[in-house]
Amino acid sequence: MDLLVTILIGVGVGAMVELLLPGHNLHELLLAMLLGIAGALASEFIGRWADLYGPGDAFGYLMAVLGAITTLVLYGVFFRKRRV
């Protein structure tokens, strides 16, 4: 159940971030959702590996949100095309 919630957090954060930015299309929306999932799962895995929290902890869900946001910000900084 925790895995499903973490994936849904990643999808939700990815969709919100992409829909808030101007000039989006379906490919960018899907990429943002996948990056959000990857960031949420990575932060969940790292937090459990480091024994910061266990399954079902609220702090784990907060870290999943922050991991998804961080992944999307890093993608935006390094790989997003600049519009003039």
PDB file of N, CA and C in Angstrom:
ATOM      1  N   MET A   1       0.814  -1.196   0.000  1.00  0.00           N
ATOM      2  CA  MET A   1       0.000   0.000   0.000  1.00  0.00           C
ATOM      3  C   MET A   1       0.859   1.262   0.000  1.00  0.00           C
ATOM      4  N   ASP A   2       1.986   1.192   0.711  1.00  0.00           N
ATOM      5  CA  ASP A   2       2.865   2.360   0.747  1.00  0.00           C
ATOM      6  C   ASP A   2       3.448   2.667  -0.627  1.00  0.00           C
ATOM      7  N   LEU A   3       3.754   1.626  -1.384  1.00  0.00           N
ATOM      8  CA  LEU A   3       4.295   1.822  -2.721  1.00  0.00           C
ATOM      9  C   LEU A   3       3.281   2.526  -3.618  1.00  0.00           C
ATOM     10  N   LEU A   4       2.038   2.125  -3.535  1.00  0.00           N
ATOM     11  CA  LEU A   4       0.983   2.748  -4.332  1.00  0.00           C
ATOM     12  C   LEU A   4       0.790   4.215  -3.954  1.00  0.00           C
ATOM     13  N   VAL A   5       0.802   4.509  -2.671  1.00  0.00           N
ATOM     14  CA  VAL A   5       0.647   5.893  -2.219  1.00  0.00           C
ATOM     15  C   VAL A   5       1.836   6.729  -2.678  1.00  0.00           C
ATOM     16  N   THR A   6       3.032   6.179  -2.607  1.00  0.00           N
ATOM     17  CA  THR A   6       4.221   6.906  -3.049  1.00  0.00           C
ATOM     18  C   THR A   6       4.155   7.191  -4.548  1.00  0.00           C
ATOM     19  N   ILE A   7       3.704   6.227  -5.333  1.00  0.00           N
ATOM     20  CA  ILE A   7       3.563   6.440  -6.773  1.00  0.00           C
ATOM     21  C   ILE A   7       2.506   7.506  -7.060  1.00  0.00           C
ATOM     22  N   LEU A   8       1.395   7.457  -6.342  1.00  0.00           N
ATOM     23  CA  LEU A   8       0.358   8.470  -6.529  1.00  0.00           C
ATOM     24  C   LEU A   8       0.839   9.867  -6.131  1.00  0.00           C
ATOM     25  N   ILE A   9       1.674   9.952  -5.107  1.00  0.00           N
ATOM     26  CA  ILE A   9       2.262  11.240  -4.727  1.00  0.00           C
ATOM     27  C   ILE A   9       3.126  11.757  -5.868  1.00  0.00           C
ATOM     28  N   GLY A  10       3.948  10.896  -6.446  1.00  0.00           N
ATOM     29  CA  GLY A  10       4.799  11.300  -7.565  1.00  0.00           C
ATOM     30  C   GLY A  10       4.003  11.762  -8.766  1.00  0.00           C
ATOM     31  N   VAL A  11       2.929  11.040  -9.091  1.00  0.00           N
ATOM     32  CA  VAL A  11       2.072  11.425 -10.224  1.00  0.00           C
ATOM     33  C   VAL A  11       1.413  12.774  -9.946  1.00  0.00           C
ATOM     34  N   GLY A  12       0.916  12.941  -8.735  1.00  0.00           N
ATOM     35  CA  GLY A  12       0.242  14.192  -8.387  1.00  0.00           C
ATOM     36  C   GLY A  12       1.171  15.389  -8.411  1.00  0.00           C
ATOM     37  N   VAL A  13       2.347  15.244  -7.843  1.00  0.00           N
ATOM     38  CA  VAL A  13       3.310  16.347  -7.843  1.00  0.00           C
ATOM     39  C   VAL A  13       3.757  16.659  -9.262  1.00  0.00           C
ATOM     40  N   GLY A  14       4.038  15.635 -10.049  1.00  0.00           N
ATOM     41  CA  GLY A  14       4.449  15.855 -11.440  1.00  0.00           C
ATOM     42  C   GLY A  14       3.381  16.563 -12.246  1.00  0.00           C
ATOM     43  N   ALA A  15       2.131  16.153 -12.069  1.00  0.00           N
ATOM     44  CA  ALA A  15       1.037  16.786 -12.806  1.00  0.00           C
ATOM     45  C   ALA A  15       0.838  18.232 -12.364  1.00  0.00           C
ATOM     46  N   MET A  16       0.895  18.485 -11.066  1.00  0.00           N
ATOM     47  CA  MET A  16       0.709  19.861 -10.580  1.00  0.00           C
ATOM     48  C   MET A  16       1.810  20.787 -11.081  1.00  0.00           C
ATOM     49  N   VAL A  17       3.046  20.317 -11.018  1.00  0.00           N
ATOM     50  CA  VAL A  17       4.160  21.155 -11.453  1.00  0.00           C
ATOM     51  C   VAL A  17       4.052  21.467 -12.939  1.00  0.00           C
ATOM     52  N   GLU A  18       3.754  20.461 -13.744  1.00  0.00           N
ATOM     53  CA  GLU A  18       3.687  20.687 -15.188  1.00  0.00           C
ATOM     54  C   GLU A  18       2.495  21.548 -15.571  1.00  0.00           C
ATOM     55  N   LEU A  19       1.371  21.364 -14.927  1.00  0.00           N
ATOM     56  CA  LEU A  19       0.190  22.148 -15.276  1.00  0.00           C
ATOM     57  C   LEU A  19       0.284  23.590 -14.786  1.00  0.00           C
ATOM     58  N   LEU A  20       1.132  23.847 -13.799  1.00  0.00           N
ATOM     59  CA  LEU A  20       1.327  25.223 -13.334  1.00  0.00           C
ATOM     60  C   LEU A  20       2.269  26.013 -14.237  1.00  0.00           C
ATOM     61  N   LEU A  21       3.122  25.307 -14.969  1.00  0.00           N
ATOM     62  CA  LEU A  21       4.046  25.986 -15.875  1.00  0.00           C
ATOM     63  C   LEU A  21       3.332  26.324 -17.183  1.00  0.00           C
ATOM     64  N   PRO A  22       3.674  27.460 -17.795  1.00  0.00           N
ATOM     65  CA  PRO A  22       3.029  27.809 -19.069  1.00  0.00           C
ATOM     66  C   PRO A  22       3.563  26.967 -20.217  1.00  0.00           C
ATOM     67  N   GLY A  23       2.720  26.751 -21.213  1.00  0.00           N
ATOM     68  CA  GLY A  23       3.133  26.081 -22.444  1.00  0.00           C
ATOM     69  C   GLY A  23       3.447  24.615 -22.277  1.00  0.00           C
ATOM     70  N   HIS A  24       2.505  23.833 -21.846  1.00  0.00           N
ATOM     71  CA  HIS A  24       2.754  22.408 -21.650  1.00  0.00           C
ATOM     72  C   HIS A  24       2.028  21.589 -22.718  1.00  0.00           C
ATOM     73  N   ASN A  25       2.544  20.397 -22.955  1.00  0.00           N
ATOM     74  CA  ASN A  25       1.876  19.458 -23.856  1.00  0.00           C
ATOM     75  C   ASN A  25       1.881  18.075 -23.203  1.00  0.00           C
ATOM     76  N   LEU A  26       1.303  17.103 -23.867  1.00  0.00           N
ATOM     77  CA  LEU A  26       1.119  15.779 -23.278  1.00  0.00           C
ATOM     78  C   LEU A  26       2.449  15.092 -22.978  1.00  0.00           C
ATOM     79  N   HIS A  27       3.440  15.254 -23.858  1.00  0.00           N
ATOM     80  CA  HIS A  27       4.734  14.600 -23.645  1.00  0.00           C
ATOM     81  C   HIS A  27       5.407  15.138 -22.387  1.00  0.00           C
ATOM     82  N   GLU A  28       5.362  16.442 -22.202  1.00  0.00           N
ATOM     83  CA  GLU A  28       5.980  17.034 -21.019  1.00  0.00           C
ATOM     84  C   GLU A  28       5.228  16.646 -19.752  1.00  0.00           C
ATOM     85  N   LEU A  29       3.919  16.514 -19.848  1.00  0.00           N
ATOM     86  CA  LEU A  29       3.124  16.104 -18.697  1.00  0.00           C
ATOM     87  C   LEU A  29       3.481  14.679 -18.281  1.00  0.00           C
ATOM     88  N   LEU A  30       3.595  13.774 -19.244  1.00  0.00           N
ATOM     89  CA  LEU A  30       3.965  12.392 -18.927  1.00  0.00           C
ATOM     90  C   LEU A  30       5.386  12.312 -18.369  1.00  0.00           C
ATOM     91  N   LEU A  31       6.297  13.091 -18.927  1.00  0.00           N
ATOM     92  CA  LEU A  31       7.667  13.113 -18.422  1.00  0.00           C
ATOM     93  C   LEU A  31       7.706  13.643 -16.990  1.00  0.00           C
ATOM     94  N   ALA A  32       6.950  14.692 -16.705  1.00  0.00           N
ATOM     95  CA  ALA A  32       6.909  15.242 -15.357  1.00  0.00           C
ATOM     96  C   ALA A  32       6.328  14.231 -14.371  1.00  0.00           C
ATOM     97  N   MET A  33       5.314  13.502 -14.790  1.00  0.00           N
ATOM     98  CA  MET A  33       4.743  12.475 -13.913  1.00  0.00           C
ATOM     99  C   MET A  33       5.747  11.365 -13.632  1.00  0.00           C
ATOM    100  N   LEU A  34       6.459  10.921 -14.665  1.00  0.00           N
ATOM    101  CA  LEU A  34       7.457   9.871 -14.475  1.00  0.00           C
ATOM    102  C   LEU A  34       8.613  10.342 -13.600  1.00  0.00           C
ATOM    103  N   LEU A  35       9.038  11.586 -13.783  1.00  0.00           N
ATOM    104  CA  LEU A  35      10.093  12.128 -12.930  1.00  0.00           C
ATOM    105  C   LEU A  35       9.618  12.282 -11.493  1.00  0.00           C
ATOM    106  N   GLY A  36       8.367  12.661 -11.324  1.00  0.00           N
ATOM    107  CA  GLY A  36       7.812  12.753  -9.978  1.00  0.00           C
ATOM    108  C   GLY A  36       7.771  11.399  -9.295  1.00  0.00           C
ATOM    109  N   ILE A  37       7.371  10.368 -10.033  1.00  0.00           N
ATOM    110  CA  ILE A  37       7.362   9.013  -9.480  1.00  0.00           C
ATOM    111  C   ILE A  37       8.779   8.587  -9.104  1.00  0.00           C
ATOM    112  N   ALA A  38       9.738   8.844  -9.989  1.00  0.00           N
ATOM    113  CA  ALA A  38      11.123   8.452  -9.726  1.00  0.00           C
ATOM    114  C   ALA A  38      11.668   9.153  -8.482  1.00  0.00           C
ATOM    115  N   GLY A  39      11.399  10.435  -8.346  1.00  0.00           N
ATOM    116  CA  GLY A  39      11.877  11.174  -7.177  1.00  0.00           C
ATOM    117  C   GLY A  39      11.223  10.705  -5.895  1.00  0.00           C
ATOM    118  N   ALA A  40       9.924  10.443  -5.943  1.00  0.00           N
ATOM    119  CA  ALA A  40       9.218   9.971  -4.754  1.00  0.00           C
ATOM    120  C   ALA A  40       9.713   8.593  -4.332  1.00  0.00           C
ATOM    121  N   LEU A  41       9.888   7.697  -5.297  1.00  0.00           N
ATOM    122  CA  LEU A  41      10.377   6.355  -4.970  1.00  0.00           C
ATOM    123  C   LEU A  41      11.819   6.388  -4.472  1.00  0.00           C
ATOM    124  N   ALA A  42      12.646   7.230  -5.066  1.00  0.00           N
ATOM    125  CA  ALA A  42      14.039   7.320  -4.632  1.00  0.00           C
ATOM    126  C   ALA A  42      14.134   7.840  -3.198  1.00  0.00           C
ATOM    127  N   SER A  43      13.375   8.877  -2.887  1.00  0.00           N
ATOM    128  CA  SER A  43      13.436   9.411  -1.522  1.00  0.00           C
ATOM    129  C   SER A  43      12.851   8.419  -0.517  1.00  0.00           C
ATOM    130  N   GLU A  44      11.821   7.692  -0.908  1.00  0.00           N
ATOM    131  CA  GLU A  44      11.254   6.662  -0.035  1.00  0.00           C
ATOM    132  C   GLU A  44      12.282   5.555   0.216  1.00  0.00           C
ATOM    133  N   PHE A  45      12.955   5.116  -0.838  1.00  0.00           N
ATOM    134  CA  PHE A  45      13.963   4.059  -0.700  1.00  0.00           C
ATOM    135  C   PHE A  45      15.129   4.525   0.167  1.00  0.00           C
ATOM    136  N   ILE A  46      15.632   5.721  -0.074  1.00  0.00           N
ATOM    137  CA  ILE A  46      16.783   6.223   0.681  1.00  0.00           C
ATOM    138  C   ILE A  46      16.422   6.421   2.151  1.00  0.00           C
ATOM    139  N   GLY A  47      15.230   6.950   2.412  1.00  0.00           N
ATOM    140  CA  GLY A  47      14.816   7.152   3.799  1.00  0.00           C
ATOM    141  C   GLY A  47      14.654   5.860   4.570  1.00  0.00           C
ATOM    142  N   ARG A  48      14.109   4.851   3.932  1.00  0.00           N
ATOM    143  CA  ARG A  48      13.978   3.552   4.610  1.00  0.00           C
ATOM    144  C   ARG A  48      15.324   2.869   4.764  1.00  0.00           C
ATOM    145  N   TRP A  49      16.183   3.012   3.770  1.00  0.00           N
ATOM    146  CA  TRP A  49      17.517   2.411   3.838  1.00  0.00           C
ATOM    147  C   TRP A  49      18.332   3.024   4.969  1.00  0.00           C
ATOM    148  N   ALA A  50      18.186   4.336   5.175  1.00  0.00           N
ATOM    149  CA  ALA A  50      18.921   5.034   6.222  1.00  0.00           C
ATOM    150  C   ALA A  50      18.217   4.944   7.576  1.00  0.00           C
ATOM    151  N   ASP A  51      17.111   4.232   7.659  1.00  0.00           N
ATOM    152  CA  ASP A  51      16.333   4.076   8.888  1.00  0.00           C
ATOM    153  C   ASP A  51      15.829   5.401   9.449  1.00  0.00           C
ATOM    154  N   LEU A  52      15.459   6.312   8.574  1.00  0.00           N
ATOM    155  CA  LEU A  52      14.887   7.583   9.011  1.00  0.00           C
ATOM    156  C   LEU A  52      13.413   7.429   9.355  1.00  0.00           C
ATOM    157  N   TYR A  53      12.725   6.513   8.694  1.00  0.00           N
ATOM    158  CA  TYR A  53      11.317   6.262   8.941  1.00  0.00           C
ATOM    159  C   TYR A  53      10.968   4.869   8.450  1.00  0.00           C
ATOM    160  N   GLY A  54       9.835   4.394   8.891  1.00  0.00           N
ATOM    161  CA  GLY A  54       9.380   3.067   8.506  1.00  0.00           C
ATOM    162  C   GLY A  54       8.186   3.149   7.586  1.00  0.00           C
ATOM    163  N   PRO A  55       7.628   2.009   7.238  1.00  0.00           N
ATOM    164  CA  PRO A  55       6.451   1.977   6.370  1.00  0.00           C
ATOM    165  C   PRO A  55       5.255   2.657   7.044  1.00  0.00           C
ATOM    166  N   GLY A  56       4.582   3.519   6.306  1.00  0.00           N
ATOM    167  CA  GLY A  56       3.382   4.162   6.803  1.00  0.00           C
ATOM    168  C   GLY A  56       3.595   5.416   7.628  1.00  0.00           C
ATOM    169  N   ASP A  57       4.837   5.836   7.851  1.00  0.00           N
ATOM    170  CA  ASP A  57       5.088   7.064   8.605  1.00  0.00           C
ATOM    171  C   ASP A  57       4.721   8.284   7.775  1.00  0.00           C
ATOM    172  N   ALA A  58       4.159   9.273   8.432  1.00  0.00           N
ATOM    173  CA  ALA A  58       3.785  10.511   7.741  1.00  0.00           C
ATOM    174  C   ALA A  58       5.024  11.232   7.217  1.00  0.00           C
ATOM    175  N   PHE A  59       6.126  11.130   7.935  1.00  0.00           N
ATOM    176  CA  PHE A  59       7.364  11.772   7.495  1.00  0.00           C
ATOM    177  C   PHE A  59       7.847  11.170   6.179  1.00  0.00           C
ATOM    178  N   GLY A  60       7.592   9.891   5.969  1.00  0.00           N
ATOM    179  CA  GLY A  60       7.962   9.244   4.712  1.00  0.00           C
ATOM    180  C   GLY A  60       7.193   9.816   3.535  1.00  0.00           C
ATOM    181  N   TYR A  61       5.915  10.116   3.745  1.00  0.00           N
ATOM    182  CA  TYR A  61       5.114  10.713   2.675  1.00  0.00           C
ATOM    183  C   TYR A  61       5.568  12.142   2.393  1.00  0.00           C
ATOM    184  N   LEU A  62       5.923  12.878   3.446  1.00  0.00           N
ATOM    185  CA  LEU A  62       6.447  14.226   3.255  1.00  0.00           C
ATOM    186  C   LEU A  62       7.754  14.183   2.461  1.00  0.00           C
ATOM    187  N   MET A  63       8.605  13.227   2.777  1.00  0.00           N
ATOM    188  CA  MET A  63       9.862  13.099   2.045  1.00  0.00           C
ATOM    189  C   MET A  63       9.628  12.662   0.605  1.00  0.00           C
ATOM    190  N   ALA A  64       8.581  11.883   0.354  1.00  0.00           N
ATOM    191  CA  ALA A  64       8.248  11.507  -1.021  1.00  0.00           C
ATOM    192  C   ALA A  64       7.851  12.732  -1.824  1.00  0.00           C
ATOM    193  N   VAL A  65       7.076  13.625  -1.220  1.00  0.00           N
ATOM    194  CA  VAL A  65       6.697  14.873  -1.896  1.00  0.00           C
ATOM    195  C   VAL A  65       7.940  15.721  -2.166  1.00  0.00           C
ATOM    196  N   LEU A  66       8.788  15.874  -1.165  1.00  0.00           N
ATOM    197  CA  LEU A  66      10.009  16.679  -1.349  1.00  0.00           C
ATOM    198  C   LEU A  66      10.956  16.040  -2.365  1.00  0.00           C
ATOM    199  N   GLY A  67      11.044  14.722  -2.396  1.00  0.00           N
ATOM    200  CA  GLY A  67      11.880  14.043  -3.384  1.00  0.00           C
ATOM    201  C   GLY A  67      11.376  14.249  -4.792  1.00  0.00           C
ATOM    202  N   ALA A  68      10.059  14.195  -4.977  1.00  0.00           N
ATOM    203  CA  ALA A  68       9.478  14.424  -6.304  1.00  0.00           C
ATOM    204  C   ALA A  68       9.711  15.862  -6.754  1.00  0.00           C
ATOM    205  N   ILE A  69       9.520  16.816  -5.858  1.00  0.00           N
ATOM    206  CA  ILE A  69       9.738  18.224  -6.199  1.00  0.00           C
ATOM    207  C   ILE A  69      11.202  18.468  -6.529  1.00  0.00           C
ATOM    208  N   THR A  70      12.094  17.895  -5.734  1.00  0.00           N
ATOM    209  CA  THR A  70      13.531  18.077  -5.973  1.00  0.00           C
ATOM    210  C   THR A  70      13.944  17.511  -7.326  1.00  0.00           C
ATOM    211  N   THR A  71      13.435  16.347  -7.670  1.00  0.00           N
ATOM    212  CA  THR A  71      13.761  15.748  -8.959  1.00  0.00           C
ATOM    213  C   THR A  71      13.279  16.623 -10.113  1.00  0.00           C
ATOM    214  N   LEU A  72      12.076  17.153  -9.997  1.00  0.00           N
ATOM    215  CA  LEU A  72      11.537  18.006 -11.054  1.00  0.00           C
ATOM    216  C   LEU A  72      12.285  19.329 -11.159  1.00  0.00           C
ATOM    217  N   VAL A  73      12.689  19.887 -10.035  1.00  0.00           N
ATOM    218  CA  VAL A  73      13.470  21.132 -10.060  1.00  0.00           C
ATOM    219  C   VAL A  73      14.831  20.889 -10.698  1.00  0.00           C
ATOM    220  N   LEU A  74      15.483  19.796 -10.326  1.00  0.00           N
ATOM    221  CA  LEU A  74      16.787  19.488 -10.924  1.00  0.00           C
ATOM    222  C   LEU A  74      16.675  19.247 -12.420  1.00  0.00           C
ATOM    223  N   TYR A  75      15.630  18.587 -12.841  1.00  0.00           N
ATOM    224  CA  TYR A  75      15.409  18.399 -14.279  1.00  0.00           C
ATOM    225  C   TYR A  75      15.204  19.754 -14.959  1.00  0.00           C
ATOM    226  N   GLY A  76      14.428  20.612 -14.347  1.00  0.00           N
ATOM    227  CA  GLY A  76      14.172  21.931 -14.918  1.00  0.00           C
ATOM    228  C   GLY A  76      15.429  22.778 -15.026  1.00  0.00           C
ATOM    229  N   VAL A  77      16.296  22.676 -14.037  1.00  0.00           N
ATOM    230  CA  VAL A  77      17.522  23.464 -14.041  1.00  0.00           C
ATOM    231  C   VAL A  77      18.496  22.967 -15.103  1.00  0.00           C
ATOM    232  N   PHE A  78      18.651  21.664 -15.228  1.00  0.00           N
ATOM    233  CA  PHE A  78      19.694  21.124 -16.093  1.00  0.00           C
ATOM    234  C   PHE A  78      19.248  20.770 -17.507  1.00  0.00           C
ATOM    235  N   PHE A  79      17.990  20.384 -17.713  1.00  0.00           N
ATOM    236  CA  PHE A  79      17.602  19.847 -19.005  1.00  0.00           C
ATOM    237  C   PHE A  79      16.472  20.578 -19.710  1.00  0.00           C
ATOM    238  N   ARG A  80      15.822  21.483 -19.065  1.00  0.00           N
ATOM    239  CA  ARG A  80      14.678  22.153 -19.687  1.00  0.00           C
ATOM    240  C   ARG A  80      15.179  23.186 -20.678  1.00  0.00           C
ATOM    241  N   LYS A  81      14.532  23.268 -21.825  1.00  0.00           N
ATOM    242  CA  LYS A  81      14.913  24.260 -22.837  1.00  0.00           C
ATOM    243  C   LYS A  81      14.434  25.631 -22.404  1.00  0.00           C
ATOM    244  N   ARG A  82      15.294  26.603 -22.571  1.00  0.00           N
ATOM    245  CA  ARG A  82      14.944  27.971 -22.209  1.00  0.00           C
ATOM    246  C   ARG A  82      14.115  28.593 -23.331  1.00  0.00           C
ATOM    247  N   ARG A  83      13.040  29.232 -22.968  1.00  0.00           N
ATOM    248  CA  ARG A  83      12.208  29.924 -23.948  1.00  0.00           C
ATOM    249  C   ARG A  83      12.522  31.398 -23.901  1.00  0.00           C
ATOM    250  N   VAL A  84      12.676  31.966 -25.079  1.00  0.00           N
ATOM    251  CA  VAL A  84      13.024  33.389 -25.155  1.00  0.00           C
ATOM    252  C   VAL A  84      11.789  34.216 -25.405  1.00  0.00           C
TER     253      VAL A  84
END
